[in-house]
């Protein structure tokens, strides 16, 4: 499988917001993340980067 960890950039530092992300849906300034375990969170933010090799999603707060 290719699950990613999601981080949000706060004050120049990456803060882990979710591990094992299976899906990411951006809608109207919110990013909804769902883990492979069924956990779902929504963040007011924007997508900065998806690094498949590094298995990392980087977000920025809005």
Protein backbone atom coordinates (compact mmCIF):
# COMPACT_ATOMS: atom_id res chain seq x y z
CA UNK A 1 0.00 0.00 0.00
CA UNK A 2 0.97 3.61 -0.41
CA UNK A 3 -0.37 5.50 2.56
CA UNK A 4 1.02 8.90 3.39
CA UNK A 5 1.47 10.92 6.55
CA UNK A 6 -0.04 14.43 6.54
CA UNK A 7 1.72 17.42 8.07
CA UNK A 8 0.67 21.05 8.46
CA UNK A 9 3.27 23.81 8.38
CA UNK A 10 3.04 25.98 11.52
CA UNK A 11 5.62 28.64 12.32
CA UNK A 12 8.11 27.01 9.95
CA UNK A 13 7.75 23.56 11.54
CA UNK A 14 5.90 20.50 10.26
CA UNK A 15 3.23 19.22 12.66
CA UNK A 16 1.89 15.70 12.09
CA UNK A 17 -1.89 15.77 11.70
CA UNK A 18 -2.59 12.22 10.50
CA UNK A 19 -0.76 9.00 9.78
CA UNK A 20 -1.69 6.44 7.13
CA UNK A 21 -3.77 8.80 4.99
CA UNK A 22 -5.73 6.89 2.38
CA UNK A 23 -7.59 9.82 0.80
CA UNK A 24 -7.47 13.60 0.64
CA UNK A 25 -10.34 15.77 -0.62
CA UNK A 26 -9.97 19.57 -0.97
CA UNK A 27 -13.31 21.48 -0.87
CA UNK A 28 -13.81 25.23 -0.39
CA UNK A 29 -10.69 25.97 1.69
CA UNK A 30 -10.90 22.76 3.71
CA UNK A 31 -8.90 19.59 3.33
CA UNK A 32 -10.61 16.41 4.45
CA UNK A 33 -8.25 13.56 5.29
CA UNK A 34 -9.32 9.97 5.83
CA UNK A 35 -6.99 7.33 7.21
CA UNK A 36 -6.94 3.70 6.13
CA UNK A 37 -8.39 2.95 9.58
CA UNK A 38 -11.52 5.07 8.97
CA UNK A 39 -10.54 8.15 10.99
CA UNK A 40 -11.59 11.42 9.29
CA UNK A 41 -10.51 15.00 10.01
CA UNK A 42 -11.06 18.32 8.21
CA UNK A 43 -8.52 21.13 8.28
CA UNK A 44 -8.86 24.74 7.15
CA UNK A 45 -5.92 24.73 4.82
CA UNK A 46 -4.43 24.34 1.38
CA UNK A 47 -2.30 21.67 -0.21
CA UNK A 48 1.40 22.54 -0.54
CA UNK A 49 2.91 19.24 -1.69
CA UNK A 50 2.28 15.54 -2.14
CA UNK A 51 5.55 13.60 -2.01
CA UNK A 52 4.82 10.00 -2.98
CA UNK A 53 8.42 8.85 -2.65
CA UNK A 54 8.76 10.44 0.80
CA UNK A 55 5.18 9.35 1.69
CA UNK A 56 4.31 12.86 2.88
CA UNK A 57 1.48 15.34 2.39
CA UNK A 58 2.30 18.96 3.30
CA UNK A 59 -0.50 21.42 4.07
CA UNK A 60 -0.57 25.10 5.01
CA UNK A 61 -3.20 26.64 7.30
CA UNK A 62 -5.58 29.27 5.93
